[in-house]
Amino acid sequence: MPGRDPHSGAAVRIRKAIALVNSVADEAGDEEITPTEIAEAIRDCLELTDVDSVPNVRRYLGEALDAVSDGMPADFVAMTLYAALGALREGSPD
């Protein structure tokens, strides 16, 4: 589709991962979200080929996944995912 951002699929997945992490940070909802669920959401982002076409996006996603594995606070994981989203936006065509 002409004019469509080729990275929008990755952006949508990264935003979903951010929303999941933010819900943990805000302690929203009745359901407890596990680190495994957060890691799965980040791995879903890493599976997209879009993340390879923009510098640093894969690196930031990898750092976010490592942060989950290391037990870092949700705020730190979210900040790293926001960095991935920002890098993706910077690499998108105008």
PDB file of N, CA and C in Angstrom:
ATOM      1  N   MET A   1       0.848  -1.169   0.000  1.00  0.00           N
ATOM      2  CA  MET A   1       0.000   0.000   0.000  1.00  0.00           C
ATOM      3  C   MET A   1       0.898   1.238   0.000  1.00  0.00           C
ATOM      4  N   PRO A   2       0.761   2.130  -0.988  1.00  0.00           N
ATOM      5  CA  PRO A   2       1.604   3.322  -1.053  1.00  0.00           C
ATOM      6  C   PRO A   2       1.355   4.231   0.137  1.00  0.00           C
ATOM      7  N   GLY A   3       2.447   4.821   0.639  1.00  0.00           N
ATOM      8  CA  GLY A   3       2.347   5.764   1.742  1.00  0.00           C
ATOM      9  C   GLY A   3       2.269   5.098   3.109  1.00  0.00           C
ATOM     10  N   ARG A   4       2.170   3.789   3.136  1.00  0.00           N
ATOM     11  CA  ARG A   4       2.090   3.081   4.418  1.00  0.00           C
ATOM     12  C   ARG A   4       3.495   2.948   4.993  1.00  0.00           C
ATOM     13  N   ASP A   5       3.613   3.181   6.285  1.00  0.00           N
ATOM     14  CA  ASP A   5       4.893   3.043   6.965  1.00  0.00           C
ATOM     15  C   ASP A   5       5.271   1.568   7.008  1.00  0.00           C
ATOM     16  N   PRO A   6       6.412   1.185   6.417  1.00  0.00           N
ATOM     17  CA  PRO A   6       6.785  -0.227   6.408  1.00  0.00           C
ATOM     18  C   PRO A   6       7.121  -0.774   7.795  1.00  0.00           C
ATOM     19  N   HIS A   7       7.304   0.092   8.763  1.00  0.00           N
ATOM     20  CA  HIS A   7       7.665  -0.333  10.116  1.00  0.00           C
ATOM     21  C   HIS A   7       6.471  -0.337  11.072  1.00  0.00           C
ATOM     22  N   SER A   8       5.274  -0.078  10.549  1.00  0.00           N
ATOM     23  CA  SER A   8       4.122   0.064  11.450  1.00  0.00           C
ATOM     24  C   SER A   8       3.801  -1.227  12.193  1.00  0.00           C
ATOM     25  N   GLY A   9       4.031  -2.386  11.582  1.00  0.00           N
ATOM     26  CA  GLY A   9       3.780  -3.655  12.276  1.00  0.00           C
ATOM     27  C   GLY A   9       4.666  -3.794  13.498  1.00  0.00           C
ATOM     28  N   ALA A  10       5.924  -3.439  13.356  1.00  0.00           N
ATOM     29  CA  ALA A  10       6.848  -3.497  14.488  1.00  0.00           C
ATOM     30  C   ALA A  10       6.445  -2.475  15.545  1.00  0.00           C
ATOM     31  N   ALA A  11       6.045  -1.293  15.110  1.00  0.00           N
ATOM     32  CA  ALA A  11       5.639  -0.252  16.064  1.00  0.00           C
ATOM     33  C   ALA A  11       4.432  -0.708  16.873  1.00  0.00           C
ATOM     34  N   VAL A  12       3.485  -1.355  16.222  1.00  0.00           N
ATOM     35  CA  VAL A  12       2.291  -1.846  16.924  1.00  0.00           C
ATOM     36  C   VAL A  12       2.685  -2.883  17.968  1.00  0.00           C
ATOM     37  N   ARG A  13       3.559  -3.807  17.605  1.00  0.00           N
ATOM     38  CA  ARG A  13       3.984  -4.847  18.561  1.00  0.00           C
ATOM     39  C   ARG A  13       4.771  -4.248  19.725  1.00  0.00           C
ATOM     40  N   ILE A  14       5.630  -3.277  19.433  1.00  0.00           N
ATOM     41  CA  ILE A  14       6.409  -2.650  20.504  1.00  0.00           C
ATOM     42  C   ILE A  14       5.467  -1.895  21.442  1.00  0.00           C
ATOM     43  N   ARG A  15       4.475  -1.201  20.873  1.00  0.00           N
ATOM     44  CA  ARG A  15       3.505  -0.489  21.725  1.00  0.00           C
ATOM     45  C   ARG A  15       2.723  -1.458  22.615  1.00  0.00           C
ATOM     46  N   LYS A  16       2.385  -2.635  22.076  1.00  0.00           N
ATOM     47  CA  LYS A  16       1.679  -3.641  22.884  1.00  0.00           C
ATOM     48  C   LYS A  16       2.562  -4.116  24.037  1.00  0.00           C
ATOM     49  N   ALA A  17       3.838  -4.317  23.753  1.00  0.00           N
ATOM     50  CA  ALA A  17       4.771  -4.732  24.808  1.00  0.00           C
ATOM     51  C   ALA A  17       4.892  -3.630  25.864  1.00  0.00           C
ATOM     52  N   ILE A  18       4.953  -2.382  25.421  1.00  0.00           N
ATOM     53  CA  ILE A  18       5.025  -1.252  26.356  1.00  0.00           C
ATOM     54  C   ILE A  18       3.769  -1.199  27.222  1.00  0.00           C
ATOM     55  N   ALA A  19       2.611  -1.385  26.612  1.00  0.00           N
ATOM     56  CA  ALA A  19       1.356  -1.357  27.378  1.00  0.00           C
ATOM     57  C   ALA A  19       1.338  -2.460  28.424  1.00  0.00           C
ATOM     58  N   LEU A  20       1.836  -3.625  28.065  1.00  0.00           N
ATOM     59  CA  LEU A  20       1.896  -4.736  29.008  1.00  0.00           C
ATOM     60  C   LEU A  20       2.813  -4.404  30.189  1.00  0.00           C
ATOM     61  N   VAL A  21       3.982  -3.870  29.877  1.00  0.00           N
ATOM     62  CA  VAL A  21       4.940  -3.503  30.930  1.00  0.00           C
ATOM     63  C   VAL A  21       4.384  -2.376  31.791  1.00  0.00           C
ATOM     64  N   ASN A  22       3.761  -1.396  31.155  1.00  0.00           N
ATOM     65  CA  ASN A  22       3.188  -0.284  31.919  1.00  0.00           C
ATOM     66  C   ASN A  22       2.073  -0.747  32.846  1.00  0.00           C
ATOM     67  N   SER A  23       1.313  -1.752  32.429  1.00  0.00           N
ATOM     68  CA  SER A  23       0.255  -2.249  33.312  1.00  0.00           C
ATOM     69  C   SER A  23       0.853  -2.898  34.553  1.00  0.00           C
ATOM     70  N   VAL A  24       2.025  -3.483  34.418  1.00  0.00           N
ATOM     71  CA  VAL A  24       2.720  -4.040  35.578  1.00  0.00           C
ATOM     72  C   VAL A  24       3.225  -2.908  36.466  1.00  0.00           C
ATOM     73  N   ALA A  25       3.812  -1.896  35.849  1.00  0.00           N
ATOM     74  CA  ALA A  25       4.358  -0.769  36.609  1.00  0.00           C
ATOM     75  C   ALA A  25       3.257  -0.024  37.362  1.00  0.00           C
ATOM     76  N   ASP A  26       2.071   0.068  36.742  1.00  0.00           N
ATOM     77  CA  ASP A  26       0.947   0.771  37.362  1.00  0.00           C
ATOM     78  C   ASP A  26       0.141  -0.123  38.291  1.00  0.00           C
ATOM     79  N   GLU A  27       0.477  -1.415  38.292  1.00  0.00           N
ATOM     80  CA  GLU A  27      -0.256  -2.410  39.071  1.00  0.00           C
ATOM     81  C   GLU A  27      -1.741  -2.384  38.747  1.00  0.00           C
ATOM     82  N   ALA A  28      -2.041  -2.199  37.458  1.00  0.00           N
ATOM     83  CA  ALA A  28      -3.430  -2.136  37.006  1.00  0.00           C
ATOM     84  C   ALA A  28      -3.976  -3.538  36.758  1.00  0.00           C
ATOM     85  N   GLY A  29      -5.258  -3.682  36.916  1.00  0.00           N
ATOM     86  CA  GLY A  29      -5.920  -4.938  36.590  1.00  0.00           C
ATOM     87  C   GLY A  29      -5.884  -5.944  37.722  1.00  0.00           C
ATOM     88  N   ASP A  30      -6.749  -6.915  37.597  1.00  0.00           N
ATOM     89  CA  ASP A  30      -6.852  -7.958  38.608  1.00  0.00           C
ATOM     90  C   ASP A  30      -5.881  -9.098  38.341  1.00  0.00           C
ATOM     91  N   GLU A  31      -5.474  -9.205  37.106  1.00  0.00           N
ATOM     92  CA  GLU A  31      -4.649 -10.314  36.676  1.00  0.00           C
ATOM     93  C   GLU A  31      -3.173  -9.970  36.839  1.00  0.00           C
ATOM     94  N   GLU A  32      -2.412 -10.883  37.384  1.00  0.00           N
ATOM     95  CA  GLU A  32      -0.980 -10.643  37.531  1.00  0.00           C
ATOM     96  C   GLU A  32      -0.275 -11.027  36.232  1.00  0.00           C
ATOM     97  N   ILE A  33       0.545 -10.133  35.749  1.00  0.00           N
ATOM     98  CA  ILE A  33       1.307 -10.380  34.526  1.00  0.00           C
ATOM     99  C   ILE A  33       2.697 -10.827  34.945  1.00  0.00           C
ATOM    100  N   THR A  34       3.122 -11.937  34.377  1.00  0.00           N
ATOM    101  CA  THR A  34       4.396 -12.532  34.765  1.00  0.00           C
ATOM    102  C   THR A  34       5.532 -12.026  33.876  1.00  0.00           C
ATOM    103  N   PRO A  35       6.757 -12.112  34.358  1.00  0.00           N
ATOM    104  CA  PRO A  35       7.905 -11.775  33.521  1.00  0.00           C
ATOM    105  C   PRO A  35       7.953 -12.613  32.239  1.00  0.00           C
ATOM    106  N   THR A  36       7.476 -13.836  32.315  1.00  0.00           N
ATOM    107  CA  THR A  36       7.449 -14.695  31.125  1.00  0.00           C
ATOM    108  C   THR A  36       6.545 -14.101  30.047  1.00  0.00           C
ATOM    109  N   GLU A  37       5.399 -13.552  30.446  1.00  0.00           N
ATOM    110  CA  GLU A  37       4.490 -12.926  29.483  1.00  0.00           C
ATOM    111  C   GLU A  37       5.118 -11.679  28.856  1.00  0.00           C
ATOM    112  N   ILE A  38       5.824 -10.917  29.662  1.00  0.00           N
ATOM    113  CA  ILE A  38       6.503  -9.728  29.144  1.00  0.00           C
ATOM    114  C   ILE A  38       7.604 -10.144  28.166  1.00  0.00           C
ATOM    115  N   ALA A  39       8.383 -11.139  28.553  1.00  0.00           N
ATOM    116  CA  ALA A  39       9.455 -11.626  27.681  1.00  0.00           C
ATOM    117  C   ALA A  39       8.889 -12.139  26.361  1.00  0.00           C
ATOM    118  N   GLU A  40       7.755 -12.805  26.418  1.00  0.00           N
ATOM    119  CA  GLU A  40       7.119 -13.315  25.204  1.00  0.00           C
ATOM    120  C   GLU A  40       6.704 -12.165  24.284  1.00  0.00           C
ATOM    121  N   ALA A  41       6.168 -11.103  24.857  1.00  0.00           N
ATOM    122  CA  ALA A  41       5.772  -9.940  24.055  1.00  0.00           C
ATOM    123  C   ALA A  41       6.989  -9.308  23.381  1.00  0.00           C
ATOM    124  N   ILE A  42       8.104  -9.255  24.080  1.00  0.00           N
ATOM    125  CA  ILE A  42       9.329  -8.691  23.497  1.00  0.00           C
ATOM    126  C   ILE A  42       9.869  -9.626  22.423  1.00  0.00           C
ATOM    127  N   ARG A  43       9.833 -10.932  22.674  1.00  0.00           N
ATOM    128  CA  ARG A  43      10.289 -11.897  21.653  1.00  0.00           C
ATOM    129  C   ARG A  43       9.439 -11.794  20.387  1.00  0.00           C
ATOM    130  N   ASP A  44       8.140 -11.522  20.552  1.00  0.00           N
ATOM    131  CA  ASP A  44       7.272 -11.322  19.389  1.00  0.00           C
ATOM    132  C   ASP A  44       7.781 -10.162  18.536  1.00  0.00           C
ATOM    133  N   CYS A  45       8.252  -9.114  19.190  1.00  0.00           N
ATOM    134  CA  CYS A  45       8.818  -7.970  18.468  1.00  0.00           C
ATOM    135  C   CYS A  45      10.096  -8.366  17.738  1.00  0.00           C
ATOM    136  N   LEU A  46      10.921  -9.155  18.408  1.00  0.00           N
ATOM    137  CA  LEU A  46      12.201  -9.564  17.826  1.00  0.00           C
ATOM    138  C   LEU A  46      12.026 -10.481  16.620  1.00  0.00           C
ATOM    139  N   GLU A  47      10.889 -11.157  16.510  1.00  0.00           N
ATOM    140  CA  GLU A  47      10.636 -12.050  15.385  1.00  0.00           C
ATOM    141  C   GLU A  47      10.369 -11.304  14.085  1.00  0.00           C
ATOM    142  N   LEU A  48      10.008 -10.039  14.176  1.00  0.00           N
ATOM    143  CA  LEU A  48       9.690  -9.256  12.975  1.00  0.00           C
ATOM    144  C   LEU A  48      10.962  -8.845  12.235  1.00  0.00           C
ATOM    145  N   THR A  49      10.946  -8.956  10.931  1.00  0.00           N
ATOM    146  CA  THR A  49      12.110  -8.543  10.141  1.00  0.00           C
ATOM    147  C   THR A  49      12.239  -7.024  10.094  1.00  0.00           C
ATOM    148  N   ASP A  50      11.158  -6.306  10.356  1.00  0.00           N
ATOM    149  CA  ASP A  50      11.189  -4.838  10.362  1.00  0.00           C
ATOM    150  C   ASP A  50      12.254  -4.289  11.304  1.00  0.00           C
ATOM    151  N   VAL A  51      12.491  -4.994  12.404  1.00  0.00           N
ATOM    152  CA  VAL A  51      13.420  -4.472  13.401  1.00  0.00           C
ATOM    153  C   VAL A  51      14.864  -4.511  12.918  1.00  0.00           C
ATOM    154  N   ASP A  52      15.139  -5.273  11.873  1.00  0.00           N
ATOM    155  CA  ASP A  52      16.499  -5.340  11.334  1.00  0.00           C
ATOM    156  C   ASP A  52      16.796  -4.218  10.349  1.00  0.00           C
ATOM    157  N   SER A  53      15.758  -3.567   9.850  1.00  0.00           N
ATOM    158  CA  SER A  53      15.970  -2.542   8.833  1.00  0.00           C
ATOM    159  C   SER A  53      16.278  -1.170   9.410  1.00  0.00           C
ATOM    160  N   VAL A  54      16.182  -1.033  10.724  1.00  0.00           N
ATOM    161  CA  VAL A  54      16.458   0.246  11.385  1.00  0.00           C
ATOM    162  C   VAL A  54      17.521   0.014  12.456  1.00  0.00           C
ATOM    163  N   PRO A  55      18.601   0.799  12.416  1.00  0.00           N
ATOM    164  CA  PRO A  55      19.669   0.613  13.410  1.00  0.00           C
ATOM    165  C   PRO A  55      19.166   0.740  14.848  1.00  0.00           C
ATOM    166  N   ASN A  56      19.711  -0.072  15.703  1.00  0.00           N
ATOM    167  CA  ASN A  56      19.498  -0.052  17.157  1.00  0.00           C
ATOM    168  C   ASN A  56      18.182  -0.627  17.656  1.00  0.00           C
ATOM    169  N   VAL A  57      17.197  -0.845  16.805  1.00  0.00           N
ATOM    170  CA  VAL A  57      15.918  -1.353  17.296  1.00  0.00           C
ATOM    171  C   VAL A  57      16.102  -2.738  17.899  1.00  0.00           C
ATOM    172  N   ARG A  58      16.761  -3.637  17.183  1.00  0.00           N
ATOM    173  CA  ARG A  58      16.990  -4.994  17.697  1.00  0.00           C
ATOM    174  C   ARG A  58      17.828  -4.942  18.980  1.00  0.00           C
ATOM    175  N   ARG A  59      18.805  -4.052  19.024  1.00  0.00           N
ATOM    176  CA  ARG A  59      19.659  -3.935  20.217  1.00  0.00           C
ATOM    177  C   ARG A  59      18.830  -3.532  21.434  1.00  0.00           C
ATOM    178  N   TYR A  60      17.968  -2.509  21.271  1.00  0.00           N
ATOM    179  CA  TYR A  60      17.131  -2.069  22.388  1.00  0.00           C
ATOM    180  C   TYR A  60      16.159  -3.162  22.828  1.00  0.00           C
ATOM    181  N   LEU A  61      15.590  -3.871  21.878  1.00  0.00           N
ATOM    182  CA  LEU A  61      14.677  -4.959  22.234  1.00  0.00           C
ATOM    183  C   LEU A  61      15.422  -6.056  22.984  1.00  0.00           C
ATOM    184  N   GLY A  62      16.638  -6.354  22.545  1.00  0.00           N
ATOM    185  CA  GLY A  62      17.464  -7.342  23.240  1.00  0.00           C
ATOM    186  C   GLY A  62      17.792  -6.899  24.651  1.00  0.00           C
ATOM    187  N   GLU A  63      18.066  -5.602  24.813  1.00  0.00           N
ATOM    188  CA  GLU A  63      18.350  -5.075  26.147  1.00  0.00           C
ATOM    189  C   GLU A  63      17.107  -5.159  27.043  1.00  0.00           C
ATOM    190  N   ALA A  64      15.946  -4.903  26.467  1.00  0.00           N
ATOM    191  CA  ALA A  64      14.706  -5.006  27.244  1.00  0.00           C
ATOM    192  C   ALA A  64      14.467  -6.449  27.681  1.00  0.00           C
ATOM    193  N   LEU A  65      14.719  -7.384  26.782  1.00  0.00           N
ATOM    194  CA  LEU A  65      14.563  -8.799  27.118  1.00  0.00           C
ATOM    195  C   LEU A  65      15.548  -9.212  28.211  1.00  0.00           C
ATOM    196  N   ASP A  66      16.780  -8.742  28.097  1.00  0.00           N
ATOM    197  CA  ASP A  66      17.777  -9.015  29.146  1.00  0.00           C
ATOM    198  C   ASP A  66      17.348  -8.421  30.485  1.00  0.00           C
ATOM    199  N   ALA A  67      16.770  -7.218  30.435  1.00  0.00           N
ATOM    200  CA  ALA A  67      16.330  -6.554  31.662  1.00  0.00           C
ATOM    201  C   ALA A  67      15.229  -7.359  32.353  1.00  0.00           C
ATOM    202  N   VAL A  68      14.313  -7.912  31.569  1.00  0.00           N
ATOM    203  CA  VAL A  68      13.260  -8.760  32.139  1.00  0.00           C
ATOM    204  C   VAL A  68      13.902  -9.978  32.790  1.00  0.00           C
ATOM    205  N   SER A  69      14.831 -10.588  32.070  1.00  0.00           N
ATOM    206  CA  SER A  69      15.519 -11.781  32.569  1.00  0.00           C
ATOM    207  C   SER A  69      16.298 -11.493  33.853  1.00  0.00           C
ATOM    208  N   ASP A  70      16.860 -10.285  33.938  1.00  0.00           N
ATOM    209  CA  ASP A  70      17.648  -9.903  35.109  1.00  0.00           C
ATOM    210  C   ASP A  70      16.785  -9.410  36.278  1.00  0.00           C
ATOM    211  N   GLY A  71      15.470  -9.341  36.063  1.00  0.00           N
ATOM    212  CA  GLY A  71      14.578  -8.904  37.138  1.00  0.00           C
ATOM    213  C   GLY A  71      14.565  -7.404  37.359  1.00  0.00           C
ATOM    214  N   MET A  72      14.922  -6.648  36.345  1.00  0.00           N
ATOM    215  CA  MET A  72      14.905  -5.189  36.466  1.00  0.00           C
ATOM    216  C   MET A  72      13.469  -4.694  36.628  1.00  0.00           C
ATOM    217  N   PRO A  73      13.285  -3.518  37.219  1.00  0.00           N
ATOM    218  CA  PRO A  73      11.938  -2.972  37.407  1.00  0.00           C
ATOM    219  C   PRO A  73      11.233  -2.723  36.065  1.00  0.00           C
ATOM    220  N   ALA A  74       9.913  -2.808  36.105  1.00  0.00           N
ATOM    221  CA  ALA A  74       9.108  -2.613  34.900  1.00  0.00           C
ATOM    222  C   ALA A  74       9.364  -1.261  34.254  1.00  0.00           C
ATOM    223  N   ASP A  75       9.602  -0.222  35.062  1.00  0.00           N
ATOM    224  CA  ASP A  75       9.871   1.110  34.510  1.00  0.00           C
ATOM    225  C   ASP A  75      11.114   1.102  33.622  1.00  0.00           C
ATOM    226  N   PHE A  76      12.135   0.375  34.038  1.00  0.00           N
ATOM    227  CA  PHE A  76      13.369   0.292  33.252  1.00  0.00           C
ATOM    228  C   PHE A  76      13.116  -0.439  31.942  1.00  0.00           C
ATOM    229  N   VAL A  77      12.361  -1.533  32.004  1.00  0.00           N
ATOM    230  CA  VAL A  77      12.043  -2.294  30.788  1.00  0.00           C
ATOM    231  C   VAL A  77      11.243  -1.415  29.832  1.00  0.00           C
ATOM    232  N   ALA A  78      10.256  -0.694  30.356  1.00  0.00           N
ATOM    233  CA  ALA A  78       9.445   0.187  29.514  1.00  0.00           C
ATOM    234  C   ALA A  78      10.296   1.266  28.869  1.00  0.00           C
ATOM    235  N   MET A  79      11.214   1.840  29.624  1.00  0.00           N
ATOM    236  CA  MET A  79      12.084   2.888  29.082  1.00  0.00           C
ATOM    237  C   MET A  79      12.908   2.344  27.911  1.00  0.00           C
ATOM    238  N   THR A  80      13.381   1.120  28.029  1.00  0.00           N
ATOM    239  CA  THR A  80      14.168   0.511  26.968  1.00  0.00           C
ATOM    240  C   THR A  80      13.296   0.234  25.744  1.00  0.00           C
ATOM    241  N   LEU A  81      12.058  -0.177  25.966  1.00  0.00           N
ATOM    242  CA  LEU A  81      11.141  -0.384  24.849  1.00  0.00           C
ATOM    243  C   LEU A  81      10.785   0.933  24.173  1.00  0.00           C
ATOM    244  N   TYR A  82      10.638   1.999  24.952  1.00  0.00           N
ATOM    245  CA  TYR A  82      10.409   3.320  24.360  1.00  0.00           C
ATOM    246  C   TYR A  82      11.598   3.737  23.493  1.00  0.00           C
ATOM    247  N   ALA A  83      12.799   3.389  23.904  1.00  0.00           N
ATOM    248  CA  ALA A  83      13.988   3.684  23.097  1.00  0.00           C
ATOM    249  C   ALA A  83      13.919   2.931  21.771  1.00  0.00           C
ATOM    250  N   ALA A  84      13.474   1.684  21.795  1.00  0.00           N
ATOM    251  CA  ALA A  84      13.322   0.902  20.559  1.00  0.00           C
ATOM    252  C   ALA A  84      12.280   1.542  19.654  1.00  0.00           C
ATOM    253  N   LEU A  85      11.173   1.971  20.234  1.00  0.00           N
ATOM    254  CA  LEU A  85      10.122   2.622  19.450  1.00  0.00           C
ATOM    255  C   LEU A  85      10.624   3.929  18.854  1.00  0.00           C
ATOM    256  N   GLY A  86      11.378   4.699  19.637  1.00  0.00           N
ATOM    257  CA  GLY A  86      11.946   5.952  19.134  1.00  0.00           C
ATOM    258  C   GLY A  86      12.916   5.711  17.992  1.00  0.00           C
ATOM    259  N   ALA A  87      13.755   4.707  18.115  1.00  0.00           N
ATOM    260  CA  ALA A  87      14.698   4.378  17.044  1.00  0.00           C
ATOM    261  C   ALA A  87      13.944   3.955  15.792  1.00  0.00           C
ATOM    262  N   LEU A  88      12.858   3.219  15.960  1.00  0.00           N
ATOM    263  CA  LEU A  88      12.047   2.790  14.830  1.00  0.00           C
ATOM    264  C   LEU A  88      11.425   4.004  14.129  1.00  0.00           C
ATOM    265  N   ARG A  89      10.936   4.938  14.893  1.00  0.00           N
ATOM    266  CA  ARG A  89      10.345   6.160  14.317  1.00  0.00           C
ATOM    267  C   ARG A  89      11.400   6.972  13.565  1.00  0.00           C
ATOM    268  N   GLU A  90      12.596   7.088  14.145  1.00  0.00           N
ATOM    269  CA  GLU A  90      13.661   7.839  13.494  1.00  0.00           C
ATOM    270  C   GLU A  90      14.053   7.212  12.167  1.00  0.00           C
ATOM    271  N   GLY A  91      13.949   5.893  12.091  1.00  0.00           N
ATOM    272  CA  GLY A  91      14.334   5.191  10.874  1.00  0.00           C
ATOM    273  C   GLY A  91      13.229   5.077   9.848  1.00  0.00           C
ATOM    274  N   SER A  92      12.014   5.558  10.194  1.00  0.00           N
ATOM    275  CA  SER A  92      10.880   5.480   9.272  1.00  0.00           C
ATOM    276  C   SER A  92      10.980   6.572   8.221  1.00  0.00           C
ATOM    277  N   PRO A  93      10.525   6.270   6.999  1.00  0.00           N
ATOM    278  CA  PRO A  93      10.533   7.285   5.965  1.00  0.00           C
ATOM    279  C   PRO A  93       9.557   8.403   6.290  1.00  0.00           C
ATOM    280  N   ASP A  94       9.875   9.598   5.881  1.00  0.00           N
ATOM    281  CA  ASP A  94       8.982  10.749   6.149  1.00  0.00           C
ATOM    282  C   ASP A  94       7.772  10.744   5.268  1.00  0.00           C
TER     283      ASP A  94
END
